[in-house]
Amino acid sequence: MVSLWEIAIKAQLGAPTSGSTRGYCGAVRSTTATKNSLLQANHAVAIAQLPPLHKDPFDRLLIVQGIVEGITLITANPIVARYPAPVRRV
């Protein structure tokens, strides 16, 4: 959900997006996983537990979703990969 939120905001601001934003959003919206991983209050509250390594609010929400839901976040960002969370850098 956080990724969709970020894509929608960037598209609205006119930022270039890779691939078809509409197609990506439609594909993610139709998955069962998305229905079970909506942004929840416990995700937002968990942000307070993160060390201040990174200021991007979308990345921080993705990190806490991984922590709360027990799923691994895949990232190319070396700063995000430093968090004590289920994060794998590729």
PDB file of N, CA and C in Angstrom:
ATOM      1  N   MET A   1       0.821  -1.193   0.000  1.00  0.00           N
ATOM      2  CA  MET A   1       0.000   0.000   0.000  1.00  0.00           C
ATOM      3  C   MET A   1       0.859   1.248   0.000  1.00  0.00           C
ATOM      4  N   VAL A   2       1.931   1.218   0.763  1.00  0.00           N
ATOM      5  CA  VAL A   2       2.787   2.395   0.837  1.00  0.00           C
ATOM      6  C   VAL A   2       3.416   2.687  -0.522  1.00  0.00           C
ATOM      7  N   SER A   3       3.810   1.652  -1.236  1.00  0.00           N
ATOM      8  CA  SER A   3       4.388   1.846  -2.564  1.00  0.00           C
ATOM      9  C   SER A   3       3.369   2.469  -3.511  1.00  0.00           C
ATOM     10  N   LEU A   4       2.131   1.997  -3.447  1.00  0.00           N
ATOM     11  CA  LEU A   4       1.074   2.577  -4.281  1.00  0.00           C
ATOM     12  C   LEU A   4       0.841   4.040  -3.926  1.00  0.00           C
ATOM     13  N   TRP A   5       0.851   4.334  -2.658  1.00  0.00           N
ATOM     14  CA  TRP A   5       0.664   5.692  -2.180  1.00  0.00           C
ATOM     15  C   TRP A   5       1.764   6.598  -2.736  1.00  0.00           C
ATOM     16  N   GLU A   6       3.000   6.148  -2.633  1.00  0.00           N
ATOM     17  CA  GLU A   6       4.127   6.939  -3.123  1.00  0.00           C
ATOM     18  C   GLU A   6       4.061   7.134  -4.636  1.00  0.00           C
ATOM     19  N   ILE A   7       3.732   6.090  -5.374  1.00  0.00           N
ATOM     20  CA  ILE A   7       3.616   6.195  -6.836  1.00  0.00           C
ATOM     21  C   ILE A   7       2.531   7.189  -7.219  1.00  0.00           C
ATOM     22  N   ALA A   8       1.396   7.118  -6.540  1.00  0.00           N
ATOM     23  CA  ALA A   8       0.289   8.025  -6.847  1.00  0.00           C
ATOM     24  C   ALA A   8       0.677   9.480  -6.591  1.00  0.00           C
ATOM     25  N   ILE A   9       1.355   9.735  -5.487  1.00  0.00           N
ATOM     26  CA  ILE A   9       1.781  11.100  -5.166  1.00  0.00           C
ATOM     27  C   ILE A   9       2.794  11.596  -6.190  1.00  0.00           C
ATOM     28  N   LYS A  10       3.770  10.759  -6.537  1.00  0.00           N
ATOM     29  CA  LYS A  10       4.785  11.160  -7.517  1.00  0.00           C
ATOM     30  C   LYS A  10       4.157  11.413  -8.889  1.00  0.00           C
ATOM     31  N   ALA A  11       3.207  10.581  -9.274  1.00  0.00           N
ATOM     32  CA  ALA A  11       2.534  10.772 -10.559  1.00  0.00           C
ATOM     33  C   ALA A  11       1.749  12.079 -10.556  1.00  0.00           C
ATOM     34  N   GLN A  12       1.083  12.378  -9.452  1.00  0.00           N
ATOM     35  CA  GLN A  12       0.312  13.611  -9.343  1.00  0.00           C
ATOM     36  C   GLN A  12       1.219  14.842  -9.429  1.00  0.00           C
ATOM     37  N   LEU A  13       2.439  14.720  -8.900  1.00  0.00           N
ATOM     38  CA  LEU A  13       3.387  15.833  -8.934  1.00  0.00           C
ATOM     39  C   LEU A  13       4.112  15.932 -10.270  1.00  0.00           C
ATOM     40  N   GLY A  14       3.834  14.985 -11.179  1.00  0.00           N
ATOM     41  CA  GLY A  14       4.444  15.024 -12.498  1.00  0.00           C
ATOM     42  C   GLY A  14       5.798  14.352 -12.578  1.00  0.00           C
ATOM     43  N   ALA A  15       6.189  13.652 -11.537  1.00  0.00           N
ATOM     44  CA  ALA A  15       7.477  12.951 -11.551  1.00  0.00           C
ATOM     45  C   ALA A  15       7.405  11.772 -12.515  1.00  0.00           C
ATOM     46  N   PRO A  16       8.484  11.530 -13.237  1.00  0.00           N
ATOM     47  CA  PRO A  16       8.469  10.381 -14.141  1.00  0.00           C
ATOM     48  C   PRO A  16       8.398   9.071 -13.352  1.00  0.00           C
ATOM     49  N   THR A  17       7.635   8.137 -13.844  1.00  0.00           N
ATOM     50  CA  THR A  17       7.547   6.816 -13.226  1.00  0.00           C
ATOM     51  C   THR A  17       7.966   5.788 -14.258  1.00  0.00           C
ATOM     52  N   SER A  18       8.525   4.698 -13.787  1.00  0.00           N
ATOM     53  CA  SER A  18       8.942   3.655 -14.720  1.00  0.00           C
ATOM     54  C   SER A  18       7.780   2.708 -14.986  1.00  0.00           C
ATOM     55  N   GLY A  19       7.601   2.323 -16.226  1.00  0.00           N
ATOM     56  CA  GLY A  19       6.522   1.404 -16.579  1.00  0.00           C
ATOM     57  C   GLY A  19       5.167   2.086 -16.518  1.00  0.00           C
ATOM     58  N   SER A  20       4.148   1.298 -16.509  1.00  0.00           N
ATOM     59  CA  SER A  20       2.787   1.814 -16.488  1.00  0.00           C
ATOM     60  C   SER A  20       2.294   1.887 -15.047  1.00  0.00           C
ATOM     61  N   THR A  21       2.188   3.098 -14.521  1.00  0.00           N
ATOM     62  CA  THR A  21       1.720   3.281 -13.148  1.00  0.00           C
ATOM     63  C   THR A  21       0.323   2.718 -12.971  1.00  0.00           C
ATOM     64  N   ARG A  22      -0.549   2.987 -13.924  1.00  0.00           N
ATOM     65  CA  ARG A  22      -1.924   2.490 -13.833  1.00  0.00           C
ATOM     66  C   ARG A  22      -1.946   0.960 -13.835  1.00  0.00           C
ATOM     67  N   GLY A  23      -1.160   0.340 -14.708  1.00  0.00           N
ATOM     68  CA  GLY A  23      -1.105  -1.125 -14.770  1.00  0.00           C
ATOM     69  C   GLY A  23      -0.553  -1.729 -13.495  1.00  0.00           C
ATOM     70  N   TYR A  24       0.484  -1.115 -12.950  1.00  0.00           N
ATOM     71  CA  TYR A  24       1.089  -1.603 -11.708  1.00  0.00           C
ATOM     72  C   TYR A  24       0.093  -1.506 -10.563  1.00  0.00           C
ATOM     73  N   CYS A  25      -0.540  -0.356 -10.445  1.00  0.00           N
ATOM     74  CA  CYS A  25      -1.511  -0.165  -9.366  1.00  0.00           C
ATOM     75  C   CYS A  25      -2.665  -1.147  -9.483  1.00  0.00           C
ATOM     76  N   GLY A  26      -3.127  -1.389 -10.698  1.00  0.00           N
ATOM     77  CA  GLY A  26      -4.216  -2.345 -10.907  1.00  0.00           C
ATOM     78  C   GLY A  26      -3.816  -3.753 -10.536  1.00  0.00           C
ATOM     79  N   ALA A  27      -2.593  -4.131 -10.896  1.00  0.00           N
ATOM     80  CA  ALA A  27      -2.117  -5.485 -10.585  1.00  0.00           C
ATOM     81  C   ALA A  27      -1.979  -5.683  -9.084  1.00  0.00           C
ATOM     82  N   VAL A  28      -1.421  -4.710  -8.392  1.00  0.00           N
ATOM     83  CA  VAL A  28      -1.248  -4.829  -6.951  1.00  0.00           C
ATOM     84  C   VAL A  28      -2.590  -4.803  -6.246  1.00  0.00           C
ATOM     85  N   ARG A  29      -3.499  -3.955  -6.715  1.00  0.00           N
ATOM     86  CA  ARG A  29      -4.819  -3.847  -6.101  1.00  0.00           C
ATOM     87  C   ARG A  29      -5.588  -5.162  -6.174  1.00  0.00           C
ATOM     88  N   SER A  30      -5.340  -5.942  -7.218  1.00  0.00           N
ATOM     89  CA  SER A  30      -6.100  -7.168  -7.418  1.00  0.00           C
ATOM     90  C   SER A  30      -5.550  -8.360  -6.636  1.00  0.00           C
ATOM     91  N   THR A  31      -4.417  -8.215  -5.969  1.00  0.00           N
ATOM     92  CA  THR A  31      -3.841  -9.347  -5.247  1.00  0.00           C
ATOM     93  C   THR A  31      -4.454  -9.501  -3.863  1.00  0.00           C
ATOM     94  N   THR A  32      -4.493 -10.701  -3.384  1.00  0.00           N
ATOM     95  CA  THR A  32      -5.001 -10.969  -2.039  1.00  0.00           C
ATOM     96  C   THR A  32      -4.094 -10.364  -0.996  1.00  0.00           C
ATOM     97  N   ALA A  33      -2.774 -10.392  -1.235  1.00  0.00           N
ATOM     98  CA  ALA A  33      -1.825  -9.856  -0.255  1.00  0.00           C
ATOM     99  C   ALA A  33      -2.114  -8.395   0.048  1.00  0.00           C
ATOM    100  N   THR A  34      -2.465  -7.628  -0.960  1.00  0.00           N
ATOM    101  CA  THR A  34      -2.748  -6.212  -0.745  1.00  0.00           C
ATOM    102  C   THR A  34      -3.935  -6.032   0.180  1.00  0.00           C
ATOM    103  N   LYS A  35      -4.934  -6.860   0.048  1.00  0.00           N
ATOM    104  CA  LYS A  35      -6.125  -6.736   0.894  1.00  0.00           C
ATOM    105  C   LYS A  35      -5.786  -7.002   2.355  1.00  0.00           C
ATOM    106  N   ASN A  36      -4.731  -7.767   2.607  1.00  0.00           N
ATOM    107  CA  ASN A  36      -4.354  -8.106   3.966  1.00  0.00           C
ATOM    108  C   ASN A  36      -3.235  -7.230   4.512  1.00  0.00           C
ATOM    109  N   SER A  37      -2.664  -6.349   3.702  1.00  0.00           N
ATOM    110  CA  SER A  37      -1.519  -5.572   4.165  1.00  0.00           C
ATOM    111  C   SER A  37      -1.748  -4.071   4.078  1.00  0.00           C
ATOM    112  N   LEU A  38      -2.976  -3.646   4.276  1.00  0.00           N
ATOM    113  CA  LEU A  38      -3.276  -2.219   4.280  1.00  0.00           C
ATOM    114  C   LEU A  38      -2.519  -1.536   5.413  1.00  0.00           C
ATOM    115  N   LEU A  39      -2.214  -0.282   5.200  1.00  0.00           N
ATOM    116  CA  LEU A  39      -1.560   0.486   6.244  1.00  0.00           C
ATOM    117  C   LEU A  39      -2.457   0.509   7.468  1.00  0.00           C
ATOM    118  N   GLN A  40      -1.901   0.124   8.579  1.00  0.00           N
ATOM    119  CA  GLN A  40      -2.676   0.035   9.807  1.00  0.00           C
ATOM    120  C   GLN A  40      -2.062   0.946  10.862  1.00  0.00           C
ATOM    121  N   ALA A  41      -2.813   1.225  11.908  1.00  0.00           N
ATOM    122  CA  ALA A  41      -2.333   2.097  12.976  1.00  0.00           C
ATOM    123  C   ALA A  41      -1.051   1.544  13.596  1.00  0.00           C
ATOM    124  N   ASN A  42      -0.963   0.215  13.746  1.00  0.00           N
ATOM    125  CA  ASN A  42       0.246  -0.333  14.371  1.00  0.00           C
ATOM    126  C   ASN A  42       1.478  -0.142  13.487  1.00  0.00           C
ATOM    127  N   HIS A  43       1.286   0.000  12.182  1.00  0.00           N
ATOM    128  CA  HIS A  43       2.417   0.321  11.308  1.00  0.00           C
ATOM    129  C   HIS A  43       2.907   1.735  11.613  1.00  0.00           C
ATOM    130  N   ALA A  44       1.975   2.671  11.702  1.00  0.00           N
ATOM    131  CA  ALA A  44       2.347   4.061  11.957  1.00  0.00           C
ATOM    132  C   ALA A  44       2.983   4.218  13.334  1.00  0.00           C
ATOM    133  N   VAL A  45       2.445   3.543  14.325  1.00  0.00           N
ATOM    134  CA  VAL A  45       2.991   3.630  15.679  1.00  0.00           C
ATOM    135  C   VAL A  45       4.401   3.040  15.735  1.00  0.00           C
ATOM    136  N   ALA A  46       4.661   1.993  14.982  1.00  0.00           N
ATOM    137  CA  ALA A  46       5.971   1.334  14.996  1.00  0.00           C
ATOM    138  C   ALA A  46       7.083   2.232  14.469  1.00  0.00           C
ATOM    139  N   ILE A  47       6.740   3.259  13.703  1.00  0.00           N
ATOM    140  CA  ILE A  47       7.759   4.172  13.181  1.00  0.00           C
ATOM    141  C   ILE A  47       8.543   4.815  14.322  1.00  0.00           C
ATOM    142  N   ALA A  48       7.895   5.058  15.441  1.00  0.00           N
ATOM    143  CA  ALA A  48       8.575   5.670  16.587  1.00  0.00           C
ATOM    144  C   ALA A  48       9.697   4.790  17.128  1.00  0.00           C
ATOM    145  N   GLN A  49       9.664   3.497  16.820  1.00  0.00           N
ATOM    146  CA  GLN A  49      10.683   2.570  17.302  1.00  0.00           C
ATOM    147  C   GLN A  49      11.905   2.508  16.394  1.00  0.00           C
ATOM    148  N   LEU A  50      11.812   3.087  15.188  1.00  0.00           N
ATOM    149  CA  LEU A  50      12.921   3.009  14.240  1.00  0.00           C
ATOM    150  C   LEU A  50      14.024   3.987  14.607  1.00  0.00           C
ATOM    151  N   PRO A  51      15.286   3.563  14.471  1.00  0.00           N
ATOM    152  CA  PRO A  51      16.371   4.520  14.661  1.00  0.00           C
ATOM    153  C   PRO A  51      16.339   5.554  13.531  1.00  0.00           C
ATOM    154  N   PRO A  52      16.823   6.751  13.769  1.00  0.00           N
ATOM    155  CA  PRO A  52      16.747   7.819  12.767  1.00  0.00           C
ATOM    156  C   PRO A  52      17.837   7.722  11.694  1.00  0.00           C
ATOM    157  N   LEU A  53      17.848   6.623  10.961  1.00  0.00           N
ATOM    158  CA  LEU A  53      18.852   6.421   9.921  1.00  0.00           C
ATOM    159  C   LEU A  53      18.466   7.076   8.600  1.00  0.00           C
ATOM    160  N   HIS A  54      17.179   7.245   8.393  1.00  0.00           N
ATOM    161  CA  HIS A  54      16.669   7.647   7.083  1.00  0.00           C
ATOM    162  C   HIS A  54      15.435   8.517   7.295  1.00  0.00           C
ATOM    163  N   LYS A  55      15.289   9.575   6.524  1.00  0.00           N
ATOM    164  CA  LYS A  55      14.171  10.504   6.742  1.00  0.00           C
ATOM    165  C   LYS A  55      13.003  10.306   5.791  1.00  0.00           C
ATOM    166  N   ASP A  56      13.146   9.485   4.759  1.00  0.00           N
ATOM    167  CA  ASP A  56      12.067   9.315   3.782  1.00  0.00           C
ATOM    168  C   ASP A  56      10.889   8.605   4.445  1.00  0.00           C
ATOM    169  N   PRO A  57       9.730   9.278   4.558  1.00  0.00           N
ATOM    170  CA  PRO A  57       8.598   8.673   5.264  1.00  0.00           C
ATOM    171  C   PRO A  57       8.055   7.417   4.587  1.00  0.00           C
ATOM    172  N   PHE A  58       8.123   7.346   3.270  1.00  0.00           N
ATOM    173  CA  PHE A  58       7.619   6.160   2.579  1.00  0.00           C
ATOM    174  C   PHE A  58       8.510   4.952   2.865  1.00  0.00           C
ATOM    175  N   ASP A  59       9.820   5.150   2.800  1.00  0.00           N
ATOM    176  CA  ASP A  59      10.730   4.052   3.111  1.00  0.00           C
ATOM    177  C   ASP A  59      10.553   3.589   4.546  1.00  0.00           C
ATOM    178  N   ARG A  60      10.382   4.537   5.464  1.00  0.00           N
ATOM    179  CA  ARG A  60      10.192   4.160   6.868  1.00  0.00           C
ATOM    180  C   ARG A  60       8.900   3.364   7.060  1.00  0.00           C
ATOM    181  N   LEU A  61       7.837   3.729   6.350  1.00  0.00           N
ATOM    182  CA  LEU A  61       6.596   2.951   6.437  1.00  0.00           C
ATOM    183  C   LEU A  61       6.778   1.553   5.861  1.00  0.00           C
ATOM    184  N   LEU A  62       7.514   1.442   4.759  1.00  0.00           N
ATOM    185  CA  LEU A  62       7.783   0.112   4.196  1.00  0.00           C
ATOM    186  C   LEU A  62       8.565  -0.752   5.188  1.00  0.00           C
ATOM    187  N   ILE A  63       9.535  -0.142   5.864  1.00  0.00           N
ATOM    188  CA  ILE A  63      10.339  -0.878   6.848  1.00  0.00           C
ATOM    189  C   ILE A  63       9.461  -1.384   7.986  1.00  0.00           C
ATOM    190  N   VAL A  64       8.605  -0.511   8.544  1.00  0.00           N
ATOM    191  CA  VAL A  64       7.760  -0.963   9.656  1.00  0.00           C
ATOM    192  C   VAL A  64       6.710  -1.966   9.211  1.00  0.00           C
ATOM    193  N   GLN A  65       6.230  -1.861   7.975  1.00  0.00           N
ATOM    194  CA  GLN A  65       5.302  -2.890   7.486  1.00  0.00           C
ATOM    195  C   GLN A  65       6.008  -4.241   7.483  1.00  0.00           C
ATOM    196  N   GLY A  66       7.255  -4.261   7.071  1.00  0.00           N
ATOM    197  CA  GLY A  66       8.015  -5.504   7.089  1.00  0.00           C
ATOM    198  C   GLY A  66       8.179  -6.055   8.493  1.00  0.00           C
ATOM    199  N   ILE A  67       8.479  -5.164   9.430  1.00  0.00           N
ATOM    200  CA  ILE A  67       8.651  -5.586  10.828  1.00  0.00           C
ATOM    201  C   ILE A  67       7.344  -6.134  11.384  1.00  0.00           C
ATOM    202  N   VAL A  68       6.277  -5.354  11.283  1.00  0.00           N
ATOM    203  CA  VAL A  68       4.985  -5.733  11.867  1.00  0.00           C
ATOM    204  C   VAL A  68       4.406  -6.975  11.203  1.00  0.00           C
ATOM    205  N   GLU A  69       4.509  -7.066   9.887  1.00  0.00           N
ATOM    206  CA  GLU A  69       3.911  -8.182   9.153  1.00  0.00           C
ATOM    207  C   GLU A  69       4.832  -9.380   9.012  1.00  0.00           C
ATOM    208  N   GLY A  70       6.107  -9.211   9.391  1.00  0.00           N
ATOM    209  CA  GLY A  70       7.054 -10.321   9.287  1.00  0.00           C
ATOM    210  C   GLY A  70       7.423 -10.654   7.848  1.00  0.00           C
ATOM    211  N   ILE A  71       7.517  -9.626   6.995  1.00  0.00           N
ATOM    212  CA  ILE A  71       7.891  -9.852   5.608  1.00  0.00           C
ATOM    213  C   ILE A  71       9.190  -9.092   5.311  1.00  0.00           C
ATOM    214  N   THR A  72       9.938  -9.583   4.357  1.00  0.00           N
ATOM    215  CA  THR A  72      11.218  -8.988   4.013  1.00  0.00           C
ATOM    216  C   THR A  72      11.042  -7.896   2.961  1.00  0.00           C
ATOM    217  N   LEU A  73      11.629  -6.745   3.227  1.00  0.00           N
ATOM    218  CA  LEU A  73      11.640  -5.643   2.276  1.00  0.00           C
ATOM    219  C   LEU A  73      12.884  -5.793   1.406  1.00  0.00           C
ATOM    220  N   ILE A  74      12.697  -5.801   0.107  1.00  0.00           N
ATOM    221  CA  ILE A  74      13.803  -5.877  -0.844  1.00  0.00           C
ATOM    222  C   ILE A  74      14.108  -4.447  -1.283  1.00  0.00           C
ATOM    223  N   THR A  75      15.382  -4.041  -1.188  1.00  0.00           N
ATOM    224  CA  THR A  75      15.748  -2.673  -1.517  1.00  0.00           C
ATOM    225  C   THR A  75      17.131  -2.592  -2.154  1.00  0.00           C
ATOM    226  N   ALA A  76      17.326  -1.571  -2.941  1.00  0.00           N
ATOM    227  CA  ALA A  76      18.652  -1.268  -3.477  1.00  0.00           C
ATOM    228  C   ALA A  76      19.287  -0.136  -2.676  1.00  0.00           C
ATOM    229  N   ASN A  77      18.537   0.425  -1.741  1.00  0.00           N
ATOM    230  CA  ASN A  77      18.994   1.560  -0.956  1.00  0.00           C
ATOM    231  C   ASN A  77      19.884   1.095   0.199  1.00  0.00           C
ATOM    232  N   PRO A  78      21.153   1.480   0.213  1.00  0.00           N
ATOM    233  CA  PRO A  78      22.055   1.018   1.272  1.00  0.00           C
ATOM    234  C   PRO A  78      21.684   1.537   2.659  1.00  0.00           C
ATOM    235  N   ILE A  79      21.054   2.707   2.734  1.00  0.00           N
ATOM    236  CA  ILE A  79      20.646   3.236   4.039  1.00  0.00           C
ATOM    237  C   ILE A  79      19.484   2.420   4.593  1.00  0.00           C
ATOM    238  N   VAL A  80      18.502   2.115   3.764  1.00  0.00           N
ATOM    239  CA  VAL A  80      17.358   1.309   4.194  1.00  0.00           C
ATOM    240  C   VAL A  80      17.835  -0.065   4.655  1.00  0.00           C
ATOM    241  N   ALA A  81      18.820  -0.615   3.971  1.00  0.00           N
ATOM    242  CA  ALA A  81      19.338  -1.943   4.308  1.00  0.00           C
ATOM    243  C   ALA A  81      20.034  -1.978   5.670  1.00  0.00           C
ATOM    244  N   ARG A  82      20.364  -0.836   6.227  1.00  0.00           N
ATOM    245  CA  ARG A  82      21.037  -0.785   7.536  1.00  0.00           C
ATOM    246  C   ARG A  82      20.081  -0.947   8.713  1.00  0.00           C
ATOM    247  N   TYR A  83      18.789  -0.872   8.470  1.00  0.00           N
ATOM    248  CA  TYR A  83      17.832  -0.980   9.567  1.00  0.00           C
ATOM    249  C   TYR A  83      17.821  -2.377  10.178  1.00  0.00           C
ATOM    250  N   PRO A  84      17.640  -2.465  11.502  1.00  0.00           N
ATOM    251  CA  PRO A  84      17.499  -3.767  12.155  1.00  0.00           C
ATOM    252  C   PRO A  84      16.091  -4.293  11.926  1.00  0.00           C
ATOM    253  N   ALA A  85      15.874  -4.747  10.716  1.00  0.00           N
ATOM    254  CA  ALA A  85      14.543  -5.187  10.284  1.00  0.00           C
ATOM    255  C   ALA A  85      14.729  -6.237   9.209  1.00  0.00           C
ATOM    256  N   PRO A  86      13.637  -6.895   8.820  1.00  0.00           N
ATOM    257  CA  PRO A  86      13.754  -7.880   7.732  1.00  0.00           C
ATOM    258  C   PRO A  86      13.907  -7.163   6.392  1.00  0.00           C
ATOM    259  N   VAL A  87      15.141  -6.727   6.095  1.00  0.00           N
ATOM    260  CA  VAL A  87      15.450  -5.997   4.882  1.00  0.00           C
ATOM    261  C   VAL A  87      16.596  -6.713   4.177  1.00  0.00           C
ATOM    262  N   ARG A  88      16.456  -6.876   2.870  1.00  0.00           N
ATOM    263  CA  ARG A  88      17.531  -7.491   2.069  1.00  0.00           C
ATOM    264  C   ARG A  88      17.911  -6.539   0.961  1.00  0.00           C
ATOM    265  N   ARG A  89      19.187  -6.235   0.869  1.00  0.00           N
ATOM    266  CA  ARG A  89      19.668  -5.345  -0.191  1.00  0.00           C
ATOM    267  C   ARG A  89      20.029  -6.150  -1.418  1.00  0.00           C
ATOM    268  N   VAL A  90      19.585  -5.672  -2.568  1.00  0.00           N
ATOM    269  CA  VAL A  90      19.911  -6.343  -3.830  1.00  0.00           C
ATOM    270  C   VAL A  90      20.681  -5.394  -4.730  1.00  0.00           C
TER     271      VAL A  90
END
